[in-house]
Amino acid sequence: MQTPPGKKQPSKKQPGRTPAGSAKPGSAKPGAARKPSAAVYRRRRLFAGGALLLVLGLTAGGVATVSGALNAKSEQASSTQAEGSASSGAQATPSATPSATPSASPACDQKLVTVTADTNKVSYGAGEKPLLTLKVANGGKLPCKVNLGTSQMEFLVTSGSDRVFSSKDCQAESEDLIKTIAPGKSETANFPWPRNRSVQGCEEIADGVGAGYYVFIAKLGPKVSPPAVFQLG
């Protein structure tokens, strides 16, 4: 059928199709988000909670694993260090074998150093001067150092209780003289006595020495000789 001029022929709708740009009744507008239902919210919360627990569990497990690894490394290092210390200690500890250690040089026995007194004659004539001799001998088996200086020596002459003469009374200077005396050897010092008297301080004495018996005693530090008896004529 022909459409009369000036009239539009009505368009035919195809069943099951919606024209472009049109919307079904009750449907959402284009571009608008669909509102989630309560069930969706619950599912999302459960999923988020489970994921959080899973993350926390992994984190805790990771920390525990790292801590365990660190502890294992520390224990391994400690055991290694202990083994190293034990081995080094075992190496550093010498075996109980006798070793030669330098000993101090033995010292001589000063008790075996003796002092004796002697004269060159037993009897002297009138005006004759006696020669007094102090002798130091080493009776030990080792060399001995002895001070033979005038600071240690004394030549003493007595007659009974009378102190007649001492070399210390008028000694001008006092000095030390260290000498080494070999075993079995001796050193001597001589003093010519002019048959005079002396007192401490070296005061002048007018009295002389008469005829008679006299005793000579030699001293060297704390050592005192046995008496040597001689006669003056």
C-alpha atoms as a PDB file:
ATOM      1  CA  MET A   1       0.000   0.000   0.000  1.00  0.00           C
ATOM      2  CA  GLN A   2       1.316   3.317  -0.942  1.00  0.00           C
ATOM      3  CA  THR A   3       1.574   6.086   1.557  1.00  0.00           C
ATOM      4  CA  PRO A   4      -0.263   9.143   0.656  1.00  0.00           C
ATOM      5  CA  PRO A   5       1.961  12.099  -0.018  1.00  0.00           C
ATOM      6  CA  GLY A   6       2.674  14.193   3.153  1.00  0.00           C
ATOM      7  CA  LYS A   7       2.182  11.273   5.532  1.00  0.00           C
ATOM      8  CA  LYS A   8       4.945   9.239   7.123  1.00  0.00           C
ATOM      9  CA  GLN A   9       4.657   5.561   7.163  1.00  0.00           C
ATOM     10  CA  PRO A  10       4.675   4.288  10.752  1.00  0.00           C
ATOM     11  CA  SER A  11       7.886   2.327  11.623  1.00  0.00           C
ATOM     12  CA  LYS A  12       7.584  -1.297  12.545  1.00  0.00           C
ATOM     13  CA  LYS A  13       9.070  -2.465  15.803  1.00  0.00           C
ATOM     14  CA  GLN A  14      11.046  -5.647  15.756  1.00  0.00           C
ATOM     15  CA  PRO A  15      10.173  -7.864  18.601  1.00  0.00           C
ATOM     16  CA  GLY A  16      13.020  -8.523  21.209  1.00  0.00           C
ATOM     17  CA  ARG A  17      15.112  -5.537  20.231  1.00  0.00           C
ATOM     18  CA  THR A  18      15.420  -2.209  21.945  1.00  0.00           C
ATOM     19  CA  PRO A  19      16.207   0.763  19.889  1.00  0.00           C
ATOM     20  CA  ALA A  20      19.584   2.258  20.497  1.00  0.00           C
ATOM     21  CA  GLY A  21      19.519   5.011  23.078  1.00  0.00           C
ATOM     22  CA  SER A  22      16.337   3.724  24.637  1.00  0.00           C
ATOM     23  CA  ALA A  23      16.064   1.914  28.015  1.00  0.00           C
ATOM     24  CA  LYS A  24      13.757  -0.637  29.358  1.00  0.00           C
ATOM     25  CA  PRO A  25      11.312   0.458  31.970  1.00  0.00           C
ATOM     26  CA  GLY A  26      12.723   0.081  35.502  1.00  0.00           C
ATOM     27  CA  SER A  27      16.337  -0.362  34.322  1.00  0.00           C
ATOM     28  CA  ALA A  28      19.212   1.873  35.605  1.00  0.00           C
ATOM     29  CA  LYS A  29      20.247   4.830  33.692  1.00  0.00           C
ATOM     30  CA  PRO A  30      23.249   4.472  31.476  1.00  0.00           C
ATOM     31  CA  GLY A  31      26.564   5.299  33.343  1.00  0.00           C
ATOM     32  CA  ALA A  32      25.043   4.847  36.832  1.00  0.00           C
ATOM     33  CA  ALA A  33      26.811   2.229  39.195  1.00  0.00           C
ATOM     34  CA  ARG A  34      24.757  -0.647  40.385  1.00  0.00           C
ATOM     35  CA  LYS A  35      24.443  -0.669  44.206  1.00  0.00           C
ATOM     36  CA  PRO A  36      25.882  -3.884  45.748  1.00  0.00           C
ATOM     37  CA  SER A  37      23.594  -5.957  47.815  1.00  0.00           C
ATOM     38  CA  ALA A  38      24.044  -6.825  51.529  1.00  0.00           C
ATOM     39  CA  ALA A  39      25.233 -10.309  50.653  1.00  0.00           C
ATOM     40  CA  VAL A  40      27.993  -8.853  48.477  1.00  0.00           C
ATOM     41  CA  TYR A  41      29.117  -6.644  51.379  1.00  0.00           C
ATOM     42  CA  ARG A  42      29.294  -9.657  53.678  1.00  0.00           C
ATOM     43  CA  ARG A  43      31.299 -11.659  51.163  1.00  0.00           C
ATOM     44  CA  ARG A  44      33.715  -8.764  50.682  1.00  0.00           C
ATOM     45  CA  ARG A  45      34.238  -8.345  54.459  1.00  0.00           C
ATOM     46  CA  LEU A  46      34.828 -12.062  54.900  1.00  0.00           C
ATOM     47  CA  PHE A  47      37.310 -12.080  52.014  1.00  0.00           C
ATOM     48  CA  ALA A  48      39.127  -8.996  53.328  1.00  0.00           C
ATOM     49  CA  GLY A  49      39.300 -10.466  56.844  1.00  0.00           C
ATOM     50  CA  GLY A  50      40.600 -13.758  55.513  1.00  0.00           C
ATOM     51  CA  ALA A  51      43.211 -12.000  53.395  1.00  0.00           C
ATOM     52  CA  LEU A  52      44.327  -9.927  56.423  1.00  0.00           C
ATOM     53  CA  LEU A  53      44.629 -13.056  58.541  1.00  0.00           C
ATOM     54  CA  LEU A  54      46.559 -14.705  55.750  1.00  0.00           C
ATOM     55  CA  VAL A  55      48.948 -11.715  55.482  1.00  0.00           C
ATOM     56  CA  LEU A  56      49.394 -11.623  59.246  1.00  0.00           C
ATOM     57  CA  GLY A  57      50.010 -15.350  59.276  1.00  0.00           C
ATOM     58  CA  LEU A  58      52.567 -15.081  56.467  1.00  0.00           C
ATOM     59  CA  THR A  59      54.261 -12.139  58.196  1.00  0.00           C
ATOM     60  CA  ALA A  60      54.406 -13.934  61.530  1.00  0.00           C
ATOM     61  CA  GLY A  61      55.620 -17.057  59.801  1.00  0.00           C
ATOM     62  CA  GLY A  62      58.235 -15.052  57.922  1.00  0.00           C
ATOM     63  CA  VAL A  63      59.446 -13.416  61.142  1.00  0.00           C
ATOM     64  CA  ALA A  64      59.518 -16.763  62.867  1.00  0.00           C
ATOM     65  CA  THR A  65      61.374 -18.256  59.938  1.00  0.00           C
ATOM     66  CA  VAL A  66      63.895 -15.360  59.830  1.00  0.00           C
ATOM     67  CA  SER A  67      64.269 -15.442  63.595  1.00  0.00           C
ATOM     68  CA  GLY A  68      64.805 -19.180  63.470  1.00  0.00           C
ATOM     69  CA  ALA A  69      67.377 -18.751  60.702  1.00  0.00           C
ATOM     70  CA  LEU A  70      69.186 -16.013  62.670  1.00  0.00           C
ATOM     71  CA  ASN A  71      69.109 -18.116  65.801  1.00  0.00           C
ATOM     72  CA  ALA A  72      70.415 -21.075  63.845  1.00  0.00           C
ATOM     73  CA  LYS A  73      73.218 -18.922  62.369  1.00  0.00           C
ATOM     74  CA  SER A  74      74.053 -17.510  65.806  1.00  0.00           C
ATOM     75  CA  GLU A  75      74.142 -20.994  67.312  1.00  0.00           C
ATOM     76  CA  GLN A  76      76.255 -22.201  64.407  1.00  0.00           C
ATOM     77  CA  ALA A  77      78.611 -19.225  64.792  1.00  0.00           C
ATOM     78  CA  SER A  78      78.768 -19.749  68.550  1.00  0.00           C
ATOM     79  CA  SER A  79      79.472 -23.433  68.153  1.00  0.00           C
ATOM     80  CA  THR A  80      82.057 -22.683  65.462  1.00  0.00           C
ATOM     81  CA  GLN A  81      83.680 -20.047  67.656  1.00  0.00           C
ATOM     82  CA  ALA A  82      83.611 -22.402  70.624  1.00  0.00           C
ATOM     83  CA  GLU A  83      85.165 -25.150  68.520  1.00  0.00           C
ATOM     84  CA  GLY A  84      87.770 -22.667  67.214  1.00  0.00           C
ATOM     85  CA  SER A  85      88.513 -21.499  70.744  1.00  0.00           C
ATOM     86  CA  ALA A  86      88.732 -25.055  71.984  1.00  0.00           C
ATOM     87  CA  SER A  87      91.031 -26.035  69.137  1.00  0.00           C
ATOM     88  CA  SER A  88      93.156 -22.911  69.491  1.00  0.00           C
ATOM     89  CA  GLY A  89      93.246 -23.435  73.246  1.00  0.00           C
ATOM     90  CA  ALA A  90      94.299 -26.992  72.705  1.00  0.00           C
ATOM     91  CA  GLN A  91      97.018 -25.830  70.347  1.00  0.00           C
ATOM     92  CA  ALA A  92      98.100 -22.989  72.663  1.00  0.00           C
ATOM     93  CA  THR A  93      98.355 -25.260  75.698  1.00  0.00           C
ATOM     94  CA  PRO A  94     101.789 -26.837  75.657  1.00  0.00           C
ATOM     95  CA  SER A  95     102.262 -30.385  76.727  1.00  0.00           C
ATOM     96  CA  ALA A  96     103.706 -30.949  80.151  1.00  0.00           C
ATOM     97  CA  THR A  97     107.260 -31.564  79.000  1.00  0.00           C
ATOM     98  CA  PRO A  98     110.231 -30.463  81.070  1.00  0.00           C
ATOM     99  CA  SER A  99     111.926 -27.380  79.681  1.00  0.00           C
ATOM    100  CA  ALA A 100     115.316 -26.022  80.547  1.00  0.00           C
ATOM    101  CA  THR A 101     114.867 -22.705  82.358  1.00  0.00           C
ATOM    102  CA  PRO A 102     117.843 -20.473  83.028  1.00  0.00           C
ATOM    103  CA  SER A 103     118.636 -20.479  86.722  1.00  0.00           C
ATOM    104  CA  ALA A 104     120.227 -17.643  88.628  1.00  0.00           C
ATOM    105  CA  SER A 105     123.996 -17.856  88.954  1.00  0.00           C
ATOM    106  CA  PRO A 106     124.907 -19.379  92.273  1.00  0.00           C
ATOM    107  CA  ALA A 107     126.331 -16.956  94.818  1.00  0.00           C
ATOM    108  CA  CYS A 108     129.357 -17.730  96.911  1.00  0.00           C
ATOM    109  CA  ASP A 109     128.968 -18.504 100.579  1.00  0.00           C
ATOM    110  CA  GLN A 110     130.326 -15.474 102.431  1.00  0.00           C
ATOM    111  CA  LYS A 111     130.617 -17.589 105.568  1.00  0.00           C
ATOM    112  CA  LEU A 112     133.484 -19.403 103.871  1.00  0.00           C
ATOM    113  CA  VAL A 113     135.361 -16.122 103.446  1.00  0.00           C
ATOM    114  CA  THR A 114     137.693 -15.865 106.443  1.00  0.00           C
ATOM    115  CA  VAL A 115     139.963 -13.162 107.868  1.00  0.00           C
ATOM    116  CA  THR A 116     143.198 -13.912 109.676  1.00  0.00           C
ATOM    117  CA  ALA A 117     145.872 -11.744 111.331  1.00  0.00           C
ATOM    118  CA  ASP A 118     149.581 -12.296 111.140  1.00  0.00           C
ATOM    119  CA  THR A 119     152.934 -10.550 111.744  1.00  0.00           C
ATOM    120  CA  ASN A 120     156.174 -10.944 109.828  1.00  0.00           C
ATOM    121  CA  LYS A 121     157.941 -11.912 113.053  1.00  0.00           C
ATOM    122  CA  VAL A 122     156.998 -13.317 116.431  1.00  0.00           C
ATOM    123  CA  SER A 123     159.449 -11.142 118.397  1.00  0.00           C
ATOM    124  CA  TYR A 124     160.894  -7.709 117.643  1.00  0.00           C
ATOM    125  CA  GLY A 125     163.957  -6.034 119.053  1.00  0.00           C
ATOM    126  CA  ALA A 126     164.025  -2.548 120.511  1.00  0.00           C
ATOM    127  CA  GLY A 127     163.043   0.070 117.950  1.00  0.00           C
ATOM    128  CA  GLU A 128     162.065  -2.568 115.350  1.00  0.00           C
ATOM    129  CA  LYS A 129     158.680  -1.936 113.661  1.00  0.00           C
ATOM    130  CA  PRO A 130     156.278  -4.875 113.284  1.00  0.00           C
ATOM    131  CA  LEU A 131     154.612  -5.510 109.922  1.00  0.00           C
ATOM    132  CA  LEU A 132     150.923  -6.324 110.499  1.00  0.00           C
ATOM    133  CA  THR A 133     149.215  -8.435 107.814  1.00  0.00           C
ATOM    134  CA  LEU A 134     145.464  -8.838 107.213  1.00  0.00           C
ATOM    135  CA  LYS A 135     144.659 -11.894 105.109  1.00  0.00           C
ATOM    136  CA  VAL A 136     141.317 -12.657 103.414  1.00  0.00           C
ATOM    137  CA  ALA A 137     140.852 -16.194 102.075  1.00  0.00           C
ATOM    138  CA  ASN A 138     138.037 -17.808 100.089  1.00  0.00           C
ATOM    139  CA  GLY A 139     137.472 -21.316 101.422  1.00  0.00           C
ATOM    140  CA  GLY A 140     134.462 -22.003  99.179  1.00  0.00           C
ATOM    141  CA  LYS A 141     134.101 -23.579  95.737  1.00  0.00           C
ATOM    142  CA  LEU A 142     132.872 -20.431  93.959  1.00  0.00           C
ATOM    143  CA  PRO A 143     134.518 -17.058  93.332  1.00  0.00           C
ATOM    144  CA  CYS A 144     133.566 -14.386  95.862  1.00  0.00           C
ATOM    145  CA  LYS A 145     133.506 -10.619  95.565  1.00  0.00           C
ATOM    146  CA  VAL A 146     134.933  -8.976  98.692  1.00  0.00           C
ATOM    147  CA  ASN A 147     135.323  -5.339  99.659  1.00  0.00           C
ATOM    148  CA  LEU A 148     138.996  -4.956 100.554  1.00  0.00           C
ATOM    149  CA  GLY A 149     138.902  -1.172 100.845  1.00  0.00           C
ATOM    150  CA  THR A 150     140.085   0.907 103.798  1.00  0.00           C
ATOM    151  CA  SER A 151     136.396   1.528 104.574  1.00  0.00           C
ATOM    152  CA  GLN A 152     136.231  -2.094 105.789  1.00  0.00           C
ATOM    153  CA  MET A 153     139.710  -2.736 107.176  1.00  0.00           C
ATOM    154  CA  GLU A 154     140.986  -2.158 110.673  1.00  0.00           C
ATOM    155  CA  PHE A 155     144.347  -3.055 112.231  1.00  0.00           C
ATOM    156  CA  LEU A 156     143.904  -3.167 115.996  1.00  0.00           C
ATOM    157  CA  VAL A 157     146.649  -3.639 118.598  1.00  0.00           C
ATOM    158  CA  THR A 158     145.840  -4.293 122.228  1.00  0.00           C
ATOM    159  CA  SER A 159     147.663  -5.281 125.387  1.00  0.00           C
ATOM    160  CA  GLY A 160     145.308  -6.974 127.821  1.00  0.00           C
ATOM    161  CA  SER A 161     142.423  -4.488 128.334  1.00  0.00           C
ATOM    162  CA  ASP A 162     144.526  -1.601 126.995  1.00  0.00           C
ATOM    163  CA  ARG A 163     143.500  -0.415 123.502  1.00  0.00           C
ATOM    164  CA  VAL A 164     146.911   0.586 122.200  1.00  0.00           C
ATOM    165  CA  PHE A 165     146.436   1.373 118.518  1.00  0.00           C
ATOM    166  CA  SER A 166     143.829   1.357 115.698  1.00  0.00           C
ATOM    167  CA  SER A 167     144.361   2.242 112.044  1.00  0.00           C
ATOM    168  CA  LYS A 168     140.879   3.860 112.073  1.00  0.00           C
ATOM    169  CA  ASP A 169     141.845   6.559 114.598  1.00  0.00           C
ATOM    170  CA  CYS A 170     143.973   8.635 112.230  1.00  0.00           C
ATOM    171  CA  GLN A 171     142.739   7.388 108.869  1.00  0.00           C
ATOM    172  CA  ALA A 172     142.606  10.372 106.498  1.00  0.00           C
ATOM    173  CA  GLU A 173     140.388   8.817 103.773  1.00  0.00           C
ATOM    174  CA  SER A 174     138.066   5.839 103.515  1.00  0.00           C
ATOM    175  CA  GLU A 175     137.369   4.088 100.242  1.00  0.00           C
ATOM    176  CA  ASP A 176     135.954   0.834  98.864  1.00  0.00           C
ATOM    177  CA  LEU A 177     137.902  -1.689  96.824  1.00  0.00           C
ATOM    178  CA  ILE A 178     135.905  -4.643  95.424  1.00  0.00           C
ATOM    179  CA  LYS A 179     137.978  -7.632  94.406  1.00  0.00           C
ATOM    180  CA  THR A 180     137.031 -11.133  93.288  1.00  0.00           C
ATOM    181  CA  ILE A 181     138.772 -13.886  95.191  1.00  0.00           C
ATOM    182  CA  ALA A 182     138.920 -17.234  93.416  1.00  0.00           C
ATOM    183  CA  PRO A 183     138.184 -20.456  95.310  1.00  0.00           C
ATOM    184  CA  GLY A 184     141.134 -21.452  97.522  1.00  0.00           C
ATOM    185  CA  LYS A 185     142.853 -18.097  96.958  1.00  0.00           C
ATOM    186  CA  SER A 186     143.513 -15.144  99.261  1.00  0.00           C
ATOM    187  CA  GLU A 187     144.304 -11.433  99.326  1.00  0.00           C
ATOM    188  CA  THR A 188     146.544  -9.650 101.835  1.00  0.00           C
ATOM    189  CA  ALA A 189     146.980  -6.089 103.122  1.00  0.00           C
ATOM    190  CA  ASN A 190     150.046  -4.968 105.082  1.00  0.00           C
ATOM    191  CA  PHE A 191     150.386  -2.199 107.634  1.00  0.00           C
ATOM    192  CA  PRO A 192     153.735  -1.188 109.181  1.00  0.00           C
ATOM    193  CA  TRP A 193     153.023  -0.191 112.773  1.00  0.00           C
ATOM    194  CA  PRO A 194     155.384   2.525 114.067  1.00  0.00           C
ATOM    195  CA  ARG A 195     155.002   1.374 117.683  1.00  0.00           C
ATOM    196  CA  ASN A 196     152.881   4.327 118.685  1.00  0.00           C
ATOM    197  CA  ARG A 197     149.629   4.847 120.553  1.00  0.00           C
ATOM    198  CA  SER A 198     146.418   6.293 119.103  1.00  0.00           C
ATOM    199  CA  VAL A 199     142.947   7.309 120.253  1.00  0.00           C
ATOM    200  CA  GLN A 200     139.737   8.043 118.398  1.00  0.00           C
ATOM    201  CA  GLY A 201     139.919  11.497 116.842  1.00  0.00           C
ATOM    202  CA  CYS A 202     143.673  11.143 116.309  1.00  0.00           C
ATOM    203  CA  GLU A 203     144.657  13.198 119.331  1.00  0.00           C
ATOM    204  CA  GLU A 204     148.352  13.406 120.121  1.00  0.00           C
ATOM    205  CA  ILE A 205     149.545  11.105 122.892  1.00  0.00           C
ATOM    206  CA  ALA A 206     152.881  11.598 124.628  1.00  0.00           C
ATOM    207  CA  ASP A 207     153.091   8.104 126.069  1.00  0.00           C
ATOM    208  CA  GLY A 208     154.981   5.541 123.981  1.00  0.00           C
ATOM    209  CA  VAL A 209     154.806   1.796 123.774  1.00  0.00           C
ATOM    210  CA  GLY A 210     157.034  -0.244 126.065  1.00  0.00           C
ATOM    211  CA  ALA A 211     158.394  -3.729 125.816  1.00  0.00           C
ATOM    212  CA  GLY A 212     156.010  -6.623 126.314  1.00  0.00           C
ATOM    213  CA  TYR A 213     153.481  -8.870 124.619  1.00  0.00           C
ATOM    214  CA  TYR A 214     150.867  -7.464 122.276  1.00  0.00           C
ATOM    215  CA  VAL A 215     147.869  -8.793 120.385  1.00  0.00           C
ATOM    216  CA  PHE A 216     147.073  -7.947 116.812  1.00  0.00           C
ATOM    217  CA  ILE A 217     143.442  -8.369 115.581  1.00  0.00           C
ATOM    218  CA  ALA A 218     142.496  -7.863 111.929  1.00  0.00           C
ATOM    219  CA  LYS A 219     138.960  -6.747 111.001  1.00  0.00           C
ATOM    220  CA  LEU A 220     137.207  -6.636 107.663  1.00  0.00           C
ATOM    221  CA  GLY A 221     133.685  -5.318 107.991  1.00  0.00           C
ATOM    222  CA  PRO A 222     131.851  -7.622 110.407  1.00  0.00           C
ATOM    223  CA  LYS A 223     134.531 -10.306 110.149  1.00  0.00           C
ATOM    224  CA  VAL A 224     137.086 -10.484 112.973  1.00  0.00           C
ATOM    225  CA  SER A 225     140.243 -12.555 112.917  1.00  0.00           C
ATOM    226  CA  PRO A 226     141.598 -14.725 115.695  1.00  0.00           C
ATOM    227  CA  PRO A 227     144.278 -12.882 117.699  1.00  0.00           C
ATOM    228  CA  ALA A 228     147.928 -12.947 116.624  1.00  0.00           C
ATOM    229  CA  VAL A 229     150.333 -12.522 119.566  1.00  0.00           C
ATOM    230  CA  PHE A 230     153.770 -10.940 119.157  1.00  0.00           C
ATOM    231  CA  GLN A 231     156.486  -9.553 121.461  1.00  0.00           C
ATOM    232  CA  LEU A 232     158.222  -6.177 121.499  1.00  0.00           C
ATOM    233  CA  GLY A 233     161.702  -5.895 123.043  1.00  0.00           C
END
